[in-house]
């Protein structure tokens, strides 16, 4: 139960942290980073014990998306604090790739699990 609540809180903080640079750029990396630290480890530790190869592949894509969310958080910090070599908006590209991977995997896993039953 606590795991599910932390997972949802992490997802909410990720969304708020991704939008926050428009309004409060100094707070955005901290909110997004906290969300990534809550969301990603829980998602990476979630296991699929079945034998469906498609779901296994989609789980690996989800783990890659979670890793890219952590990279995005780090790049947000380097962007805001002007830490070389990254000083621009590289975090937006990694966030876009992570979001596409995560969304695709979520919908495809649900579809595959439904078809498996």
N, C-alpha and C. Protein backbone atom coordinates (compact mmCIF):
# COMPACT_ATOMS: atom_id res chain seq x y z
N UNK A 1 0.83 -1.20 0.00
CA UNK A 1 0.00 0.00 0.00
C UNK A 1 0.87 1.26 0.00
N UNK A 2 1.87 1.30 0.88
CA UNK A 2 2.76 2.45 0.94
C UNK A 2 3.55 2.57 -0.36
N UNK A 3 3.94 1.43 -0.90
CA UNK A 3 4.69 1.43 -2.16
C UNK A 3 3.87 2.06 -3.28
N UNK A 4 2.60 1.74 -3.35
CA UNK A 4 1.71 2.30 -4.37
C UNK A 4 1.54 3.81 -4.17
N UNK A 5 1.41 4.24 -2.95
CA UNK A 5 1.25 5.67 -2.67
C UNK A 5 2.52 6.45 -3.01
N UNK A 6 3.68 5.89 -2.69
CA UNK A 6 4.94 6.55 -3.05
C UNK A 6 5.13 6.60 -4.55
N UNK A 7 4.72 5.53 -5.24
CA UNK A 7 4.81 5.47 -6.70
C UNK A 7 3.94 6.56 -7.33
N UNK A 8 2.73 6.70 -6.83
CA UNK A 8 1.82 7.73 -7.35
C UNK A 8 2.31 9.14 -7.02
N UNK A 9 2.82 9.32 -5.81
CA UNK A 9 3.37 10.62 -5.42
C UNK A 9 4.56 10.97 -6.31
N UNK A 10 5.41 9.99 -6.59
CA UNK A 10 6.55 10.22 -7.47
C UNK A 10 6.11 10.62 -8.87
N UNK A 11 5.09 9.94 -9.39
CA UNK A 11 4.56 10.30 -10.71
C UNK A 11 3.98 11.70 -10.74
N UNK A 12 3.28 12.06 -9.67
CA UNK A 12 2.71 13.40 -9.59
C UNK A 12 3.81 14.46 -9.51
N UNK A 13 4.85 14.19 -8.72
CA UNK A 13 5.96 15.13 -8.62
C UNK A 13 6.71 15.25 -9.94
N UNK A 14 6.80 14.16 -10.69
CA UNK A 14 7.44 14.23 -12.01
C UNK A 14 6.67 15.17 -12.93
N UNK A 15 5.37 15.06 -12.94
CA UNK A 15 4.55 15.92 -13.81
C UNK A 15 4.66 17.38 -13.37
N UNK A 16 4.53 17.62 -12.07
CA UNK A 16 4.63 18.99 -11.56
C UNK A 16 6.03 19.55 -11.84
N UNK A 17 7.05 18.73 -11.62
CA UNK A 17 8.42 19.18 -11.85
C UNK A 17 8.73 19.45 -13.31
N UNK A 18 8.06 18.75 -14.21
CA UNK A 18 8.27 18.98 -15.64
C UNK A 18 7.62 20.27 -16.12
N UNK A 19 6.54 20.68 -15.46
CA UNK A 19 5.84 21.90 -15.85
C UNK A 19 6.39 23.11 -15.10
N UNK A 20 6.95 22.89 -13.93
CA UNK A 20 7.41 23.97 -13.07
C UNK A 20 8.46 24.90 -13.66
N UNK A 21 9.34 24.46 -14.59
CA UNK A 21 10.32 25.41 -15.14
C UNK A 21 9.69 26.63 -15.81
N UNK A 22 8.43 26.51 -16.22
CA UNK A 22 7.74 27.65 -16.82
C UNK A 22 7.45 28.74 -15.79
N UNK A 23 7.27 28.35 -14.52
CA UNK A 23 6.85 29.29 -13.50
C UNK A 23 7.91 29.54 -12.43
N UNK A 24 8.59 28.49 -12.00
CA UNK A 24 9.56 28.58 -10.92
C UNK A 24 10.78 27.71 -11.25
N UNK A 25 11.68 28.21 -12.10
CA UNK A 25 12.79 27.37 -12.56
C UNK A 25 13.76 26.94 -11.47
N UNK A 26 13.83 27.64 -10.37
CA UNK A 26 14.74 27.25 -9.30
C UNK A 26 14.24 26.07 -8.50
N UNK A 27 12.94 25.90 -8.43
CA UNK A 27 12.33 24.82 -7.66
C UNK A 27 12.14 23.56 -8.50
N UNK A 28 12.06 23.72 -9.81
CA UNK A 28 11.74 22.61 -10.71
C UNK A 28 12.69 21.43 -10.60
N UNK A 29 14.01 21.62 -10.61
CA UNK A 29 14.88 20.44 -10.53
C UNK A 29 14.71 19.65 -9.23
N UNK A 30 14.42 20.35 -8.15
CA UNK A 30 14.25 19.68 -6.87
C UNK A 30 12.97 18.85 -6.84
N UNK A 31 11.88 19.41 -7.36
CA UNK A 31 10.61 18.69 -7.39
C UNK A 31 10.71 17.50 -8.35
N UNK A 32 11.27 17.73 -9.54
CA UNK A 32 11.40 16.66 -10.52
C UNK A 32 12.35 15.58 -10.01
N UNK A 33 13.44 15.99 -9.39
CA UNK A 33 14.40 15.03 -8.84
C UNK A 33 13.78 14.17 -7.74
N UNK A 34 13.00 14.78 -6.86
CA UNK A 34 12.32 14.02 -5.81
C UNK A 34 11.34 13.03 -6.42
N UNK A 35 10.61 13.48 -7.44
CA UNK A 35 9.68 12.57 -8.12
C UNK A 35 10.39 11.42 -8.79
N UNK A 36 11.51 11.71 -9.42
CA UNK A 36 12.28 10.64 -10.09
C UNK A 36 12.83 9.65 -9.07
N UNK A 37 13.29 10.15 -7.92
CA UNK A 37 13.82 9.26 -6.89
C UNK A 37 12.74 8.43 -6.22
N UNK A 38 11.51 8.87 -6.23
CA UNK A 38 10.41 8.06 -5.70
C UNK A 38 9.89 7.08 -6.75
N UNK A 39 9.74 7.55 -7.97
CA UNK A 39 9.08 6.79 -9.03
C UNK A 39 9.97 5.69 -9.60
N UNK A 40 11.19 6.02 -9.96
CA UNK A 40 12.05 5.11 -10.73
C UNK A 40 12.47 3.86 -9.98
N UNK A 41 12.96 3.93 -8.75
CA UNK A 41 13.35 2.68 -8.08
C UNK A 41 12.18 1.71 -7.88
N UNK A 42 11.01 2.25 -7.60
CA UNK A 42 9.85 1.38 -7.43
C UNK A 42 9.51 0.70 -8.74
N UNK A 43 9.55 1.45 -9.83
CA UNK A 43 9.25 0.86 -11.13
C UNK A 43 10.30 -0.16 -11.54
N UNK A 44 11.56 0.12 -11.26
CA UNK A 44 12.63 -0.81 -11.63
C UNK A 44 12.58 -2.10 -10.81
N UNK A 45 12.13 -2.02 -9.57
CA UNK A 45 12.05 -3.21 -8.73
C UNK A 45 10.80 -4.05 -8.98
N UNK A 46 9.83 -3.50 -9.67
CA UNK A 46 8.62 -4.24 -10.02
C UNK A 46 9.00 -5.32 -11.03
N UNK A 47 8.70 -6.55 -10.72
CA UNK A 47 9.14 -7.66 -11.57
C UNK A 47 7.96 -8.27 -12.33
N UNK A 48 8.29 -8.83 -13.50
CA UNK A 48 7.34 -9.63 -14.27
C UNK A 48 7.86 -11.06 -14.25
N UNK A 49 7.09 -11.96 -13.68
CA UNK A 49 7.53 -13.34 -13.52
C UNK A 49 6.98 -14.26 -14.61
N UNK A 50 6.20 -13.74 -15.53
CA UNK A 50 5.60 -14.57 -16.58
C UNK A 50 6.61 -14.94 -17.66
N UNK A 51 6.09 -15.61 -18.68
CA UNK A 51 6.96 -16.09 -19.75
C UNK A 51 6.71 -15.38 -21.08
N UNK A 52 5.85 -14.36 -21.09
CA UNK A 52 5.55 -13.63 -22.32
C UNK A 52 6.74 -12.75 -22.70
N UNK A 53 7.34 -13.05 -23.84
CA UNK A 53 8.52 -12.32 -24.29
C UNK A 53 8.22 -10.85 -24.62
N UNK A 54 7.02 -10.59 -25.10
CA UNK A 54 6.65 -9.21 -25.44
C UNK A 54 6.60 -8.35 -24.18
N UNK A 55 6.00 -8.90 -23.12
CA UNK A 55 5.92 -8.14 -21.87
C UNK A 55 7.32 -7.97 -21.27
N UNK A 56 8.16 -8.97 -21.39
CA UNK A 56 9.54 -8.83 -20.90
C UNK A 56 10.27 -7.70 -21.63
N UNK A 57 10.09 -7.63 -22.95
CA UNK A 57 10.72 -6.56 -23.73
C UNK A 57 10.17 -5.21 -23.32
N UNK A 58 8.86 -5.13 -23.13
CA UNK A 58 8.24 -3.87 -22.72
C UNK A 58 8.69 -3.45 -21.33
N UNK A 59 8.92 -4.41 -20.43
CA UNK A 59 9.42 -4.07 -19.10
C UNK A 59 10.84 -3.49 -19.19
N UNK A 60 11.66 -4.04 -20.09
CA UNK A 60 13.01 -3.48 -20.29
C UNK A 60 12.91 -2.05 -20.82
N UNK A 61 11.95 -1.81 -21.71
CA UNK A 61 11.76 -0.44 -22.21
C UNK A 61 11.32 0.48 -21.09
N UNK A 62 10.48 -0.01 -20.20
CA UNK A 62 10.06 0.79 -19.06
C UNK A 62 11.24 1.13 -18.16
N UNK A 63 12.12 0.16 -17.95
CA UNK A 63 13.30 0.41 -17.11
C UNK A 63 14.22 1.44 -17.78
N UNK A 64 14.34 1.38 -19.10
CA UNK A 64 15.13 2.38 -19.81
C UNK A 64 14.49 3.76 -19.66
N UNK A 65 13.16 3.82 -19.76
CA UNK A 65 12.46 5.09 -19.56
C UNK A 65 12.66 5.63 -18.16
N UNK A 66 12.65 4.76 -17.15
CA UNK A 66 12.87 5.19 -15.77
C UNK A 66 14.30 5.72 -15.60
N UNK A 67 15.25 5.04 -16.21
CA UNK A 67 16.64 5.50 -16.15
C UNK A 67 16.78 6.87 -16.82
N UNK A 68 16.08 7.07 -17.93
CA UNK A 68 16.13 8.37 -18.61
C UNK A 68 15.45 9.47 -17.79
N UNK A 69 14.48 9.11 -16.97
CA UNK A 69 13.88 10.10 -16.07
C UNK A 69 14.90 10.57 -15.04
N UNK A 70 15.70 9.64 -14.54
CA UNK A 70 16.77 10.03 -13.61
C UNK A 70 17.81 10.90 -14.30
N UNK A 71 18.14 10.56 -15.55
CA UNK A 71 19.09 11.37 -16.32
C UNK A 71 18.51 12.77 -16.55
N UNK A 72 17.22 12.83 -16.83
CA UNK A 72 16.57 14.13 -17.04
C UNK A 72 16.66 14.99 -15.78
N UNK A 73 16.46 14.36 -14.63
CA UNK A 73 16.57 15.11 -13.37
C UNK A 73 17.98 15.66 -13.19
N UNK A 74 18.98 14.85 -13.47
CA UNK A 74 20.36 15.31 -13.35
C UNK A 74 20.64 16.45 -14.34
N UNK A 75 20.12 16.33 -15.55
CA UNK A 75 20.33 17.38 -16.55
C UNK A 75 19.59 18.67 -16.20
N UNK A 76 18.46 18.54 -15.49
CA UNK A 76 17.77 19.75 -15.03
C UNK A 76 18.65 20.53 -14.05
N UNK A 77 19.32 19.79 -13.17
CA UNK A 77 20.22 20.45 -12.22
C UNK A 77 21.39 21.11 -12.94
N UNK A 78 21.98 20.39 -13.91
CA UNK A 78 23.12 20.98 -14.62
C UNK A 78 22.69 22.19 -15.44
N UNK A 79 21.48 22.16 -15.95
CA UNK A 79 20.98 23.29 -16.72
C UNK A 79 20.73 24.50 -15.84
N UNK A 80 20.08 24.30 -14.70
CA UNK A 80 19.76 25.43 -13.84
C UNK A 80 21.00 26.02 -13.18
N UNK A 81 21.90 25.17 -12.72
CA UNK A 81 23.09 25.64 -12.02
C UNK A 81 24.28 25.88 -12.94
N UNK A 82 24.07 25.78 -14.24
CA UNK A 82 25.10 26.06 -15.26
C UNK A 82 26.37 25.24 -15.03
N UNK A 83 26.21 23.96 -14.81
CA UNK A 83 27.34 23.06 -14.60
C UNK A 83 27.78 22.53 -15.97
N UNK A 84 29.05 22.75 -16.32
CA UNK A 84 29.52 22.28 -17.62
C UNK A 84 29.53 20.75 -17.68
N UNK A 85 29.42 20.13 -18.78
CA UNK A 85 29.38 20.65 -20.13
C UNK A 85 27.97 20.94 -20.61
N UNK A 86 26.95 20.61 -19.79
CA UNK A 86 25.56 20.81 -20.22
C UNK A 86 25.02 22.11 -19.63
N UNK A 87 24.63 23.01 -20.50
CA UNK A 87 24.11 24.30 -20.02
C UNK A 87 22.80 24.69 -20.67
N UNK A 88 22.27 23.84 -21.51
CA UNK A 88 21.05 24.18 -22.24
C UNK A 88 19.86 23.39 -21.73
N UNK A 89 19.08 23.00 -22.68
CA UNK A 89 17.84 22.29 -22.36
C UNK A 89 17.90 20.83 -22.78
N UNK A 90 19.04 20.19 -22.54
CA UNK A 90 19.19 18.79 -22.91
C UNK A 90 18.20 17.90 -22.16
N UNK A 91 17.81 18.33 -20.98
CA UNK A 91 16.89 17.54 -20.18
C UNK A 91 15.55 17.36 -20.87
N UNK A 92 15.17 18.31 -21.71
CA UNK A 92 13.89 18.21 -22.41
C UNK A 92 13.88 17.05 -23.39
N UNK A 93 15.00 16.82 -24.05
CA UNK A 93 15.10 15.72 -25.00
C UNK A 93 15.03 14.37 -24.28
N UNK A 94 15.78 14.23 -23.20
CA UNK A 94 15.75 12.96 -22.47
C UNK A 94 14.38 12.72 -21.83
N UNK A 95 13.74 13.79 -21.38
CA UNK A 95 12.40 13.67 -20.81
C UNK A 95 11.40 13.24 -21.87
N UNK A 96 11.52 13.78 -23.06
CA UNK A 96 10.62 13.40 -24.16
C UNK A 96 10.78 11.92 -24.50
N UNK A 97 12.01 11.46 -24.62
CA UNK A 97 12.25 10.05 -24.93
C UNK A 97 11.72 9.16 -23.81
N UNK A 98 11.97 9.55 -22.57
CA UNK A 98 11.49 8.77 -21.42
C UNK A 98 9.97 8.70 -21.40
N UNK A 99 9.32 9.83 -21.66
CA UNK A 99 7.86 9.86 -21.64
C UNK A 99 7.27 8.97 -22.73
N UNK A 100 7.86 9.01 -23.92
CA UNK A 100 7.37 8.16 -25.01
C UNK A 100 7.54 6.68 -24.65
N UNK A 101 8.71 6.32 -24.14
CA UNK A 101 8.94 4.92 -23.76
C UNK A 101 7.99 4.47 -22.65
N UNK A 102 7.82 5.31 -21.65
CA UNK A 102 6.95 4.95 -20.53
C UNK A 102 5.49 4.80 -20.97
N UNK A 103 5.00 5.76 -21.74
CA UNK A 103 3.60 5.70 -22.17
C UNK A 103 3.35 4.52 -23.09
N UNK A 104 4.24 4.30 -24.04
CA UNK A 104 4.08 3.17 -24.95
C UNK A 104 4.08 1.85 -24.18
N UNK A 105 5.02 1.70 -23.26
CA UNK A 105 5.13 0.45 -22.51
C UNK A 105 3.90 0.22 -21.63
N UNK A 106 3.41 1.27 -20.98
CA UNK A 106 2.26 1.10 -20.10
C UNK A 106 1.03 0.60 -20.87
N UNK A 107 0.74 1.23 -21.99
CA UNK A 107 -0.44 0.83 -22.74
C UNK A 107 -0.27 -0.54 -23.39
N UNK A 108 0.93 -0.84 -23.88
CA UNK A 108 1.17 -2.13 -24.52
C UNK A 108 1.18 -3.26 -23.50
N UNK A 109 1.73 -3.03 -22.31
CA UNK A 109 1.72 -4.07 -21.28
C UNK A 109 0.28 -4.38 -20.86
N UNK A 110 -0.52 -3.36 -20.69
CA UNK A 110 -1.93 -3.58 -20.33
C UNK A 110 -2.63 -4.39 -21.43
N UNK A 111 -2.36 -4.06 -22.66
CA UNK A 111 -2.98 -4.77 -23.79
C UNK A 111 -2.52 -6.23 -23.83
N UNK A 112 -1.23 -6.45 -23.64
CA UNK A 112 -0.68 -7.81 -23.68
C UNK A 112 -1.19 -8.65 -22.51
N UNK A 113 -1.30 -8.05 -21.33
CA UNK A 113 -1.82 -8.79 -20.18
C UNK A 113 -3.27 -9.15 -20.38
N UNK A 114 -4.02 -8.26 -20.98
CA UNK A 114 -5.43 -8.54 -21.27
C UNK A 114 -5.55 -9.65 -22.30
N UNK A 115 -4.72 -9.63 -23.32
CA UNK A 115 -4.74 -10.67 -24.36
C UNK A 115 -4.26 -12.01 -23.80
N UNK A 116 -3.36 -11.97 -22.83
CA UNK A 116 -2.83 -13.19 -22.23
C UNK A 116 -3.89 -13.93 -21.42
N UNK A 117 -4.77 -13.18 -20.80
CA UNK A 117 -5.85 -13.78 -20.02
C UNK A 117 -6.87 -14.36 -20.96
